[in-house]
Amino acid sequence: MSLRETIERLVAEVSRDPRFRREFRGVEALIELRTIEGEVIYLRVHDGAVEIQDKVEGRPSLTLTASREVFMDLLESRIRGEVAVLTGRLRISGDLGLGERLYRRILRFAKR
């Protein structure tokens, strides 16, 4: 499964979860996932819903940069986010609190 397909599956799952919608109610954010191979995926969080966008306007609230392999390792719980950051395999800029909240919530679905 490709990175985009994995993210599409996770977005579909978290979007149906009332706990996610409740936790992120009122949150407006644009997240940019950028691979070192050149792939860019944008996620828009809007009042508890998440959607993938191909084209966006505005500046991301959070940007995550890593290789496709590292993103897949993170989503499949083969590496922890903290380890990826501390070893330089994942770079983060922007709203780190939002990133941590999203990561913890999305990991619950990735483990299923």
PDB file of N, CA and C in Angstrom:
ATOM      1  N   MET A   1       0.853  -1.174   0.000  1.00  0.00           N
ATOM      2  CA  MET A   1       0.000   0.000   0.000  1.00  0.00           C
ATOM      3  C   MET A   1       0.903   1.242   0.000  1.00  0.00           C
ATOM      4  N   SER A   2       0.565   2.212  -0.819  1.00  0.00           N
ATOM      5  CA  SER A   2       1.361   3.440  -0.899  1.00  0.00           C
ATOM      6  C   SER A   2       1.089   4.339   0.310  1.00  0.00           C
ATOM      7  N   LEU A   3       1.940   5.326   0.503  1.00  0.00           N
ATOM      8  CA  LEU A   3       1.755   6.277   1.592  1.00  0.00           C
ATOM      9  C   LEU A   3       0.409   6.975   1.461  1.00  0.00           C
ATOM     10  N   ARG A   4       0.103   7.447   0.273  1.00  0.00           N
ATOM     11  CA  ARG A   4      -1.166   8.154   0.074  1.00  0.00           C
ATOM     12  C   ARG A   4      -2.361   7.240   0.367  1.00  0.00           C
ATOM     13  N   GLU A   5      -2.323   6.003  -0.094  1.00  0.00           N
ATOM     14  CA  GLU A   5      -3.420   5.066   0.172  1.00  0.00           C
ATOM     15  C   GLU A   5      -3.572   4.807   1.665  1.00  0.00           C
ATOM     16  N   THR A   6      -2.450   4.677   2.353  1.00  0.00           N
ATOM     17  CA  THR A   6      -2.491   4.461   3.800  1.00  0.00           C
ATOM     18  C   THR A   6      -3.117   5.666   4.495  1.00  0.00           C
ATOM     19  N   ILE A   7      -2.719   6.850   4.097  1.00  0.00           N
ATOM     20  CA  ILE A   7      -3.273   8.067   4.701  1.00  0.00           C
ATOM     21  C   ILE A   7      -4.754   8.213   4.354  1.00  0.00           C
ATOM     22  N   GLU A   8      -5.133   7.902   3.122  1.00  0.00           N
ATOM     23  CA  GLU A   8      -6.551   7.964   2.742  1.00  0.00           C
ATOM     24  C   GLU A   8      -7.389   7.030   3.617  1.00  0.00           C
ATOM     25  N   ARG A   9      -6.876   5.826   3.869  1.00  0.00           N
ATOM     26  CA  ARG A   9      -7.598   4.862   4.717  1.00  0.00           C
ATOM     27  C   ARG A   9      -7.734   5.400   6.138  1.00  0.00           C
ATOM     28  N   LEU A  10      -6.643   5.937   6.675  1.00  0.00           N
ATOM     29  CA  LEU A  10      -6.688   6.464   8.036  1.00  0.00           C
ATOM     30  C   LEU A  10      -7.602   7.677   8.152  1.00  0.00           C
ATOM     31  N   VAL A  11      -7.558   8.553   7.156  1.00  0.00           N
ATOM     32  CA  VAL A  11      -8.431   9.735   7.171  1.00  0.00           C
ATOM     33  C   VAL A  11      -9.892   9.300   7.157  1.00  0.00           C
ATOM     34  N   ALA A  12     -10.222   8.304   6.352  1.00  0.00           N
ATOM     35  CA  ALA A  12     -11.602   7.804   6.304  1.00  0.00           C
ATOM     36  C   ALA A  12     -12.022   7.254   7.667  1.00  0.00           C
ATOM     37  N   GLU A  13     -11.128   6.536   8.327  1.00  0.00           N
ATOM     38  CA  GLU A  13     -11.448   5.959   9.634  1.00  0.00           C
ATOM     39  C   GLU A  13     -11.588   7.023  10.717  1.00  0.00           C
ATOM     40  N   VAL A  14     -10.643   7.947  10.802  1.00  0.00           N
ATOM     41  CA  VAL A  14     -10.738   8.956  11.868  1.00  0.00           C
ATOM     42  C   VAL A  14     -11.912   9.895  11.634  1.00  0.00           C
ATOM     43  N   SER A  15     -12.259  10.129  10.381  1.00  0.00           N
ATOM     44  CA  SER A  15     -13.372  11.033  10.080  1.00  0.00           C
ATOM     45  C   SER A  15     -14.709  10.459  10.558  1.00  0.00           C
ATOM     46  N   ARG A  16     -14.791   9.144  10.670  1.00  0.00           N
ATOM     47  CA  ARG A  16     -16.031   8.511  11.140  1.00  0.00           C
ATOM     48  C   ARG A  16     -16.093   8.375  12.655  1.00  0.00           C
ATOM     49  N   ASP A  17     -14.997   8.646  13.336  1.00  0.00           N
ATOM     50  CA  ASP A  17     -14.932   8.430  14.776  1.00  0.00           C
ATOM     51  C   ASP A  17     -15.439   9.660  15.530  1.00  0.00           C
ATOM     52  N   PRO A  18     -16.515   9.510  16.296  1.00  0.00           N
ATOM     53  CA  PRO A  18     -17.055  10.657  17.036  1.00  0.00           C
ATOM     54  C   PRO A  18     -16.081  11.208  18.070  1.00  0.00           C
ATOM     55  N   ARG A  19     -15.191  10.364  18.614  1.00  0.00           N
ATOM     56  CA  ARG A  19     -14.205  10.855  19.594  1.00  0.00           C
ATOM     57  C   ARG A  19     -13.233  11.822  18.934  1.00  0.00           C
ATOM     58  N   PHE A  20     -12.807  11.500  17.708  1.00  0.00           N
ATOM     59  CA  PHE A  20     -11.904  12.394  16.981  1.00  0.00           C
ATOM     60  C   PHE A  20     -12.606  13.711  16.697  1.00  0.00           C
ATOM     61  N   ARG A  21     -13.838  13.619  16.213  1.00  0.00           N
ATOM     62  CA  ARG A  21     -14.597  14.832  15.875  1.00  0.00           C
ATOM     63  C   ARG A  21     -14.769  15.710  17.119  1.00  0.00           C
ATOM     64  N   ARG A  22     -15.032  15.080  18.259  1.00  0.00           N
ATOM     65  CA  ARG A  22     -15.212  15.831  19.504  1.00  0.00           C
ATOM     66  C   ARG A  22     -13.896  16.482  19.938  1.00  0.00           C
ATOM     67  N   GLU A  23     -12.807  15.717  19.891  1.00  0.00           N
ATOM     68  CA  GLU A  23     -11.513  16.238  20.341  1.00  0.00           C
ATOM     69  C   GLU A  23     -11.021  17.400  19.485  1.00  0.00           C
ATOM     70  N   PHE A  24     -11.330  17.373  18.195  1.00  0.00           N
ATOM     71  CA  PHE A  24     -10.834  18.397  17.281  1.00  0.00           C
ATOM     72  C   PHE A  24     -11.919  19.372  16.827  1.00  0.00           C
ATOM     73  N   ARG A  25     -13.048  19.380  17.537  1.00  0.00           N
ATOM     74  CA  ARG A  25     -14.108  20.352  17.244  1.00  0.00           C
ATOM     75  C   ARG A  25     -13.538  21.749  17.428  1.00  0.00           C
ATOM     76  N   GLY A  26     -13.765  22.601  16.467  1.00  0.00           N
ATOM     77  CA  GLY A  26     -13.277  23.971  16.536  1.00  0.00           C
ATOM     78  C   GLY A  26     -11.856  24.154  16.028  1.00  0.00           C
ATOM     79  N   VAL A  27     -11.161  23.060  15.725  1.00  0.00           N
ATOM     80  CA  VAL A  27      -9.776  23.151  15.240  1.00  0.00           C
ATOM     81  C   VAL A  27      -9.782  23.391  13.733  1.00  0.00           C
ATOM     82  N   GLU A  28      -9.033  24.372  13.326  1.00  0.00           N
ATOM     83  CA  GLU A  28      -8.833  24.675  11.905  1.00  0.00           C
ATOM     84  C   GLU A  28      -7.337  24.586  11.648  1.00  0.00           C
ATOM     85  N   ALA A  29      -6.931  23.653  10.810  1.00  0.00           N
ATOM     86  CA  ALA A  29      -5.493  23.487  10.584  1.00  0.00           C
ATOM     87  C   ALA A  29      -5.230  22.894   9.206  1.00  0.00           C
ATOM     88  N   LEU A  30      -4.083  23.223   8.686  1.00  0.00           N
ATOM     89  CA  LEU A  30      -3.603  22.639   7.439  1.00  0.00           C
ATOM     90  C   LEU A  30      -2.284  21.948   7.753  1.00  0.00           C
ATOM     91  N   ILE A  31      -2.219  20.653   7.463  1.00  0.00           N
ATOM     92  CA  ILE A  31      -1.011  19.874   7.730  1.00  0.00           C
ATOM     93  C   ILE A  31      -0.397  19.464   6.403  1.00  0.00           C
ATOM     94  N   GLU A  32       0.892  19.698   6.285  1.00  0.00           N
ATOM     95  CA  GLU A  32       1.621  19.330   5.072  1.00  0.00           C
ATOM     96  C   GLU A  32       2.536  18.154   5.402  1.00  0.00           C
ATOM     97  N   LEU A  33       2.346  17.049   4.687  1.00  0.00           N
ATOM     98  CA  LEU A  33       3.234  15.903   4.795  1.00  0.00           C
ATOM     99  C   LEU A  33       4.107  15.926   3.553  1.00  0.00           C
ATOM    100  N   ARG A  34       5.392  16.079   3.752  1.00  0.00           N
ATOM    101  CA  ARG A  34       6.321  16.242   2.622  1.00  0.00           C
ATOM    102  C   ARG A  34       7.366  15.137   2.701  1.00  0.00           C
ATOM    103  N   THR A  35       7.438  14.329   1.630  1.00  0.00           N
ATOM    104  CA  THR A  35       8.472  13.298   1.607  1.00  0.00           C
ATOM    105  C   THR A  35       9.728  13.860   0.972  1.00  0.00           C
ATOM    106  N   ILE A  36      10.865  13.306   1.362  1.00  0.00           N
ATOM    107  CA  ILE A  36      12.120  13.756   0.764  1.00  0.00           C
ATOM    108  C   ILE A  36      12.198  13.326  -0.703  1.00  0.00           C
ATOM    109  N   GLU A  37      11.321  12.395  -1.100  1.00  0.00           N
ATOM    110  CA  GLU A  37      11.267  11.964  -2.496  1.00  0.00           C
ATOM    111  C   GLU A  37      10.438  12.909  -3.361  1.00  0.00           C
ATOM    112  N   GLY A  38       9.797  13.919  -2.737  1.00  0.00           N
ATOM    113  CA  GLY A  38       9.069  14.935  -3.493  1.00  0.00           C
ATOM    114  C   GLY A  38       7.554  14.848  -3.446  1.00  0.00           C
ATOM    115  N   GLU A  39       6.997  13.859  -2.780  1.00  0.00           N
ATOM    116  CA  GLU A  39       5.539  13.748  -2.662  1.00  0.00           C
ATOM    117  C   GLU A  39       5.054  14.694  -1.573  1.00  0.00           C
ATOM    118  N   VAL A  40       3.932  15.372  -1.825  1.00  0.00           N
ATOM    119  CA  VAL A  40       3.342  16.267  -0.832  1.00  0.00           C
ATOM    120  C   VAL A  40       1.869  15.916  -0.695  1.00  0.00           C
ATOM    121  N   ILE A  41       1.443  15.724   0.549  1.00  0.00           N
ATOM    122  CA  ILE A  41       0.045  15.429   0.852  1.00  0.00           C
ATOM    123  C   ILE A  41      -0.415  16.463   1.869  1.00  0.00           C
ATOM    124  N   TYR A  42      -1.540  17.100   1.587  1.00  0.00           N
ATOM    125  CA  TYR A  42      -2.094  18.086   2.505  1.00  0.00           C
ATOM    126  C   TYR A  42      -3.318  17.499   3.190  1.00  0.00           C
ATOM    127  N   LEU A  43      -3.389  17.698   4.492  1.00  0.00           N
ATOM    128  CA  LEU A  43      -4.550  17.308   5.276  1.00  0.00           C
ATOM    129  C   LEU A  43      -5.153  18.564   5.870  1.00  0.00           C
ATOM    130  N   ARG A  44      -6.438  18.749   5.675  1.00  0.00           N
ATOM    131  CA  ARG A  44      -7.140  19.888   6.266  1.00  0.00           C
ATOM    132  C   ARG A  44      -8.003  19.364   7.400  1.00  0.00           C
ATOM    133  N   VAL A  45      -7.797  19.921   8.592  1.00  0.00           N
ATOM    134  CA  VAL A  45      -8.649  19.636   9.741  1.00  0.00           C
ATOM    135  C   VAL A  45      -9.593  20.817   9.851  1.00  0.00           C
ATOM    136  N   HIS A  46     -10.888  20.521   9.808  1.00  0.00           N
ATOM    137  CA  HIS A  46     -11.895  21.580   9.841  1.00  0.00           C
ATOM    138  C   HIS A  46     -13.007  21.157  10.792  1.00  0.00           C
ATOM    139  N   ASP A  47     -13.019  21.767  11.973  1.00  0.00           N
ATOM    140  CA  ASP A  47     -14.073  21.544  12.959  1.00  0.00           C
ATOM    141  C   ASP A  47     -14.317  20.062  13.221  1.00  0.00           C
ATOM    142  N   GLY A  48     -13.241  19.309  13.411  1.00  0.00           N
ATOM    143  CA  GLY A  48     -13.372  17.902  13.764  1.00  0.00           C
ATOM    144  C   GLY A  48     -13.375  16.937  12.591  1.00  0.00           C
ATOM    145  N   ALA A  49     -13.349  17.443  11.393  1.00  0.00           N
ATOM    146  CA  ALA A  49     -13.297  16.576  10.208  1.00  0.00           C
ATOM    147  C   ALA A  49     -11.920  16.715   9.566  1.00  0.00           C
ATOM    148  N   VAL A  50     -11.481  15.657   8.888  1.00  0.00           N
ATOM    149  CA  VAL A  50     -10.191  15.678   8.202  1.00  0.00           C
ATOM    150  C   VAL A  50     -10.427  15.283   6.756  1.00  0.00           C
ATOM    151  N   GLU A  51      -9.765  15.991   5.862  1.00  0.00           N
ATOM    152  CA  GLU A  51      -9.843  15.625   4.448  1.00  0.00           C
ATOM    153  C   GLU A  51      -8.487  15.843   3.796  1.00  0.00           C
ATOM    154  N   ILE A  52      -8.239  15.057   2.762  1.00  0.00           N
ATOM    155  CA  ILE A  52      -7.019  15.213   1.977  1.00  0.00           C
ATOM    156  C   ILE A  52      -7.302  16.236   0.891  1.00  0.00           C
ATOM    157  N   GLN A  53      -6.354  17.146   0.688  1.00  0.00           N
ATOM    158  CA  GLN A  53      -6.495  18.153  -0.364  1.00  0.00           C
ATOM    159  C   GLN A  53      -5.264  18.106  -1.256  1.00  0.00           C
ATOM    160  N   ASP A  54      -5.501  18.264  -2.551  1.00  0.00           N
ATOM    161  CA  ASP A  54      -4.387  18.269  -3.497  1.00  0.00           C
ATOM    162  C   ASP A  54      -3.786  19.654  -3.661  1.00  0.00           C
ATOM    163  N   LYS A  55      -4.610  20.658  -3.676  1.00  0.00           N
ATOM    164  CA  LYS A  55      -4.158  22.043  -3.818  1.00  0.00           C
ATOM    165  C   LYS A  55      -4.700  22.821  -2.634  1.00  0.00           C
ATOM    166  N   VAL A  56      -3.876  23.688  -2.106  1.00  0.00           N
ATOM    167  CA  VAL A  56      -4.309  24.459  -0.946  1.00  0.00           C
ATOM    168  C   VAL A  56      -3.873  25.909  -1.072  1.00  0.00           C
ATOM    169  N   GLU A  57      -4.569  26.736  -0.343  1.00  0.00           N
ATOM    170  CA  GLU A  57      -4.168  28.129  -0.199  1.00  0.00           C
ATOM    171  C   GLU A  57      -3.820  28.328   1.261  1.00  0.00           C
ATOM    172  N   GLY A  58      -2.867  29.149   1.501  1.00  0.00           N
ATOM    173  CA  GLY A  58      -2.483  29.432   2.876  1.00  0.00           C
ATOM    174  C   GLY A  58      -1.265  28.652   3.296  1.00  0.00           C
ATOM    175  N   ARG A  59      -0.827  28.992   4.473  1.00  0.00           N
ATOM    176  CA  ARG A  59       0.382  28.403   5.031  1.00  0.00           C
ATOM    177  C   ARG A  59       0.012  27.254   5.969  1.00  0.00           C
ATOM    178  N   PRO A  60       0.721  26.136   5.914  1.00  0.00           N
ATOM    179  CA  PRO A  60       0.411  25.019   6.816  1.00  0.00           C
ATOM    180  C   PRO A  60       0.619  25.385   8.288  1.00  0.00           C
ATOM    181  N   SER A  61      -0.253  24.845   9.124  1.00  0.00           N
ATOM    182  CA  SER A  61      -0.098  24.994  10.578  1.00  0.00           C
ATOM    183  C   SER A  61       1.021  24.100  11.076  1.00  0.00           C
ATOM    184  N   LEU A  62       1.241  23.006  10.344  1.00  0.00           N
ATOM    185  CA  LEU A  62       2.206  21.998  10.735  1.00  0.00           C
ATOM    186  C   LEU A  62       2.782  21.370   9.474  1.00  0.00           C
ATOM    187  N   THR A  63       4.092  21.227   9.420  1.00  0.00           N
ATOM    188  CA  THR A  63       4.754  20.561   8.294  1.00  0.00           C
ATOM    189  C   THR A  63       5.611  19.433   8.843  1.00  0.00           C
ATOM    190  N   LEU A  64       5.403  18.241   8.276  1.00  0.00           N
ATOM    191  CA  LEU A  64       6.198  17.072   8.635  1.00  0.00           C
ATOM    192  C   LEU A  64       6.977  16.652   7.399  1.00  0.00           C
ATOM    193  N   THR A  65       8.282  16.468   7.545  1.00  0.00           N
ATOM    194  CA  THR A  65       9.128  16.083   6.414  1.00  0.00           C
ATOM    195  C   THR A  65       9.915  14.832   6.791  1.00  0.00           C
ATOM    196  N   ALA A  66       9.823  13.821   5.931  1.00  0.00           N
ATOM    197  CA  ALA A  66      10.537  12.563   6.152  1.00  0.00           C
ATOM    198  C   ALA A  66      10.528  11.777   4.854  1.00  0.00           C
ATOM    199  N   SER A  67      11.201  10.658   4.847  1.00  0.00           N
ATOM    200  CA  SER A  67      11.128   9.769   3.688  1.00  0.00           C
ATOM    201  C   SER A  67       9.786   9.026   3.724  1.00  0.00           C
ATOM    202  N   ARG A  68       9.373   8.484   2.583  1.00  0.00           N
ATOM    203  CA  ARG A  68       8.155   7.663   2.549  1.00  0.00           C
ATOM    204  C   ARG A  68       8.278   6.518   3.552  1.00  0.00           C
ATOM    205  N   GLU A  69       9.472   5.920   3.593  1.00  0.00           N
ATOM    206  CA  GLU A  69       9.699   4.788   4.489  1.00  0.00           C
ATOM    207  C   GLU A  69       9.465   5.181   5.946  1.00  0.00           C
ATOM    208  N   VAL A  70       9.957   6.347   6.354  1.00  0.00           N
ATOM    209  CA  VAL A  70       9.772   6.790   7.740  1.00  0.00           C
ATOM    210  C   VAL A  70       8.299   7.060   8.018  1.00  0.00           C
ATOM    211  N   PHE A  71       7.595   7.716   7.096  1.00  0.00           N
ATOM    212  CA  PHE A  71       6.158   7.939   7.301  1.00  0.00           C
ATOM    213  C   PHE A  71       5.426   6.606   7.470  1.00  0.00           C
ATOM    214  N   MET A  72       5.743   5.636   6.621  1.00  0.00           N
ATOM    215  CA  MET A  72       5.087   4.327   6.726  1.00  0.00           C
ATOM    216  C   MET A  72       5.457   3.660   8.048  1.00  0.00           C
ATOM    217  N   ASP A  73       6.716   3.753   8.456  1.00  0.00           N
ATOM    218  CA  ASP A  73       7.132   3.182   9.738  1.00  0.00           C
ATOM    219  C   ASP A  73       6.365   3.821  10.892  1.00  0.00           C
ATOM    220  N   LEU A  74       6.160   5.121  10.833  1.00  0.00           N
ATOM    221  CA  LEU A  74       5.395   5.812  11.863  1.00  0.00           C
ATOM    222  C   LEU A  74       3.945   5.338  11.881  1.00  0.00           C
ATOM    223  N   LEU A  75       3.337   5.268  10.719  1.00  0.00           N
ATOM    224  CA  LEU A  75       1.927   4.891  10.630  1.00  0.00           C
ATOM    225  C   LEU A  75       1.691   3.427  10.978  1.00  0.00           C
ATOM    226  N   GLU A  76       2.715   2.603  10.798  1.00  0.00           N
ATOM    227  CA  GLU A  76       2.589   1.177  11.118  1.00  0.00           C
ATOM    228  C   GLU A  76       3.250   0.838  12.453  1.00  0.00           C
ATOM    229  N   SER A  77       3.571   1.871  13.242  1.00  0.00           N
ATOM    230  CA  SER A  77       4.126   1.734  14.593  1.00  0.00           C
ATOM    231  C   SER A  77       5.428   0.933  14.643  1.00  0.00           C
ATOM    232  N   ARG A  78       6.220   1.020  13.598  1.00  0.00           N
ATOM    233  CA  ARG A  78       7.534   0.376  13.621  1.00  0.00           C
ATOM    234  C   ARG A  78       8.589   1.306  14.221  1.00  0.00           C
ATOM    235  N   ILE A  79       8.242   2.589  14.316  1.00  0.00           N
ATOM    236  CA  ILE A  79       9.115   3.574  14.950  1.00  0.00           C
ATOM    237  C   ILE A  79       8.210   4.601  15.636  1.00  0.00           C
ATOM    238  N   ARG A  80       8.665   5.084  16.788  1.00  0.00           N
ATOM    239  CA  ARG A  80       7.906   6.106  17.509  1.00  0.00           C
ATOM    240  C   ARG A  80       8.279   7.480  16.975  1.00  0.00           C
ATOM    241  N   GLY A  81       7.334   8.387  17.021  1.00  0.00           N
ATOM    242  CA  GLY A  81       7.554   9.742  16.534  1.00  0.00           C
ATOM    243  C   GLY A  81       8.725  10.425  17.209  1.00  0.00           C
ATOM    244  N   GLU A  82       8.829  10.252  18.525  1.00  0.00           N
ATOM    245  CA  GLU A  82       9.918  10.883  19.277  1.00  0.00           C
ATOM    246  C   GLU A  82      11.277  10.391  18.782  1.00  0.00           C
ATOM    247  N   VAL A  83      11.366   9.099  18.515  1.00  0.00           N
ATOM    248  CA  VAL A  83      12.621   8.523  18.038  1.00  0.00           C
ATOM    249  C   VAL A  83      12.961   9.069  16.656  1.00  0.00           C
ATOM    250  N   ALA A  84      11.949   9.141  15.788  1.00  0.00           N
ATOM    251  CA  ALA A  84      12.178   9.657  14.435  1.00  0.00           C
ATOM    252  C   ALA A  84      12.677  11.101  14.475  1.00  0.00           C
ATOM    253  N   VAL A  85      12.114  11.907  15.367  1.00  0.00           N
ATOM    254  CA  VAL A  85      12.544  13.309  15.487  1.00  0.00           C
ATOM    255  C   VAL A  85      13.957  13.385  16.063  1.00  0.00           C
ATOM    256  N   LEU A  86      14.188  12.670  17.140  1.00  0.00           N
ATOM    257  CA  LEU A  86      15.482  12.750  17.812  1.00  0.00           C
ATOM    258  C   LEU A  86      16.633  12.211  16.967  1.00  0.00           C
ATOM    259  N   THR A  87      16.332  11.280  16.067  1.00  0.00           N
ATOM    260  CA  THR A  87      17.375  10.731  15.191  1.00  0.00           C
ATOM    261  C   THR A  87      17.477  11.488  13.875  1.00  0.00           C
ATOM    262  N   GLY A  88      16.651  12.530  13.712  1.00  0.00           N
ATOM    263  CA  GLY A  88      16.709  13.356  12.508  1.00  0.00           C
ATOM    264  C   GLY A  88      16.011  12.757  11.303  1.00  0.00           C
ATOM    265  N   ARG A  89      15.283  11.679  11.493  1.00  0.00           N
ATOM    266  CA  ARG A  89      14.571  11.054  10.368  1.00  0.00           C
ATOM    267  C   ARG A  89      13.255  11.756  10.054  1.00  0.00           C
ATOM    268  N   LEU A  90      12.744  12.534  11.011  1.00  0.00           N
ATOM    269  CA  LEU A  90      11.501  13.299  10.838  1.00  0.00           C
ATOM    270  C   LEU A  90      11.762  14.723  11.292  1.00  0.00           C
ATOM    271  N   ARG A  91      11.439  15.676  10.414  1.00  0.00           N
ATOM    272  CA  ARG A  91      11.542  17.096  10.765  1.00  0.00           C
ATOM    273  C   ARG A  91      10.125  17.648  10.913  1.00  0.00           C
ATOM    274  N   ILE A  92       9.953  18.453  11.940  1.00  0.00           N
ATOM    275  CA  ILE A  92       8.645  19.040  12.225  1.00  0.00           C
ATOM    276  C   ILE A  92       8.804  20.538  12.360  1.00  0.00           C
ATOM    277  N   SER A  93       7.876  21.276  11.744  1.00  0.00           N
ATOM    278  CA  SER A  93       7.840  22.719  11.965  1.00  0.00           C
ATOM    279  C   SER A  93       6.384  23.142  12.089  1.00  0.00           C
ATOM    280  N   GLY A  94       6.169  24.151  12.900  1.00  0.00           N
ATOM    281  CA  GLY A  94       4.811  24.650  13.097  1.00  0.00           C
ATOM    282  C   GLY A  94       4.283  24.283  14.472  1.00  0.00           C
ATOM    283  N   ASP A  95       2.988  24.038  14.555  1.00  0.00           N
ATOM    284  CA  ASP A  95       2.275  23.792  15.801  1.00  0.00           C
ATOM    285  C   ASP A  95       2.553  22.372  16.313  1.00  0.00           C
ATOM    286  N   LEU A  96       3.560  22.241  17.174  1.00  0.00           N
ATOM    287  CA  LEU A  96       3.960  20.933  17.675  1.00  0.00           C
ATOM    288  C   LEU A  96       2.892  20.294  18.563  1.00  0.00           C
ATOM    289  N   GLY A  97       2.152  21.086  19.295  1.00  0.00           N
ATOM    290  CA  GLY A  97       1.070  20.552  20.129  1.00  0.00           C
ATOM    291  C   GLY A  97      -0.002  19.883  19.288  1.00  0.00           C
ATOM    292  N   LEU A  98      -0.374  20.531  18.201  1.00  0.00           N
ATOM    293  CA  LEU A  98      -1.349  19.952  17.276  1.00  0.00           C
ATOM    294  C   LEU A  98      -0.802  18.652  16.694  1.00  0.00           C
ATOM    295  N   GLY A  99       0.461  18.668  16.319  1.00  0.00           N
ATOM    296  CA  GLY A  99       1.076  17.471  15.756  1.00  0.00           C
ATOM    297  C   GLY A  99       1.042  16.298  16.714  1.00  0.00           C
ATOM    298  N   GLU A 100       1.347  16.556  17.972  1.00  0.00           N
ATOM    299  CA  GLU A 100       1.336  15.486  18.969  1.00  0.00           C
ATOM    300  C   GLU A 100      -0.074  14.932  19.174  1.00  0.00           C
ATOM    301  N   ARG A 101      -1.058  15.812  19.275  1.00  0.00           N
ATOM    302  CA  ARG A 101      -2.450  15.359  19.449  1.00  0.00           C
ATOM    303  C   ARG A 101      -2.907  14.516  18.267  1.00  0.00           C
ATOM    304  N   LEU A 102      -2.643  14.983  17.052  1.00  0.00           N
ATOM    305  CA  LEU A 102      -3.046  14.241  15.858  1.00  0.00           C
ATOM    306  C   LEU A 102      -2.333  12.898  15.780  1.00  0.00           C
ATOM    307  N   TYR A 103      -1.045  12.901  16.051  1.00  0.00           N
ATOM    308  CA  TYR A 103      -0.249  11.674  15.975  1.00  0.00           C
ATOM    309  C   TYR A 103      -0.813  10.612  16.918  1.00  0.00           C
ATOM    310  N   ARG A 104      -1.064  11.001  18.161  1.00  0.00           N
ATOM    311  CA  ARG A 104      -1.593  10.028  19.131  1.00  0.00           C
ATOM    312  C   ARG A 104      -2.955   9.501  18.709  1.00  0.00           C
ATOM    313  N   ARG A 105      -3.812  10.371  18.219  1.00  0.00           N
ATOM    314  CA  ARG A 105      -5.160   9.946  17.826  1.00  0.00           C
ATOM    315  C   ARG A 105      -5.102   9.054  16.581  1.00  0.00           C
ATOM    316  N   ILE A 106      -4.324   9.430  15.595  1.00  0.00           N
ATOM    317  CA  ILE A 106      -4.254   8.664  14.350  1.00  0.00           C
ATOM    318  C   ILE A 106      -3.579   7.319  14.574  1.00  0.00           C
ATOM    319  N   LEU A 107      -2.602   7.257  15.466  1.00  0.00           N
ATOM    320  CA  LEU A 107      -1.944   5.977  15.743  1.00  0.00           C
ATOM    321  C   LEU A 107      -2.916   4.931  16.253  1.00  0.00           C
ATOM    322  N   ARG A 108      -3.930   5.356  16.961  1.00  0.00           N
ATOM    323  CA  ARG A 108      -4.930   4.392  17.453  1.00  0.00           C
ATOM    324  C   ARG A 108      -5.603   3.667  16.300  1.00  0.00           C
ATOM    325  N   PHE A 109      -5.769   4.361  15.192  1.00  0.00           N
ATOM    326  CA  PHE A 109      -6.392   3.739  14.028  1.00  0.00           C
ATOM    327  C   PHE A 109      -5.381   2.955  13.202  1.00  0.00           C
ATOM    328  N   ALA A 110      -4.168   3.419  13.159  1.00  0.00           N
ATOM    329  CA  ALA A 110      -3.126   2.740  12.375  1.00  0.00           C
ATOM    330  C   ALA A 110      -2.845   1.356  12.942  1.00  0.00           C
ATOM    331  N   LYS A 111      -3.026   1.174  14.227  1.00  0.00           N
ATOM    332  CA  LYS A 111      -2.740  -0.114  14.861  1.00  0.00           C
ATOM    333  C   LYS A 111      -3.820  -1.149  14.624  1.00  0.00           C
ATOM    334  N   ARG A 112      -4.937  -0.747  14.088  1.00  0.00           N
ATOM    335  CA  ARG A 112      -6.038  -1.686  13.859  1.00  0.00           C
ATOM    336  C   ARG A 112      -5.762  -2.595  12.695  1.00  0.00           C
TER     337      ARG A 112
END
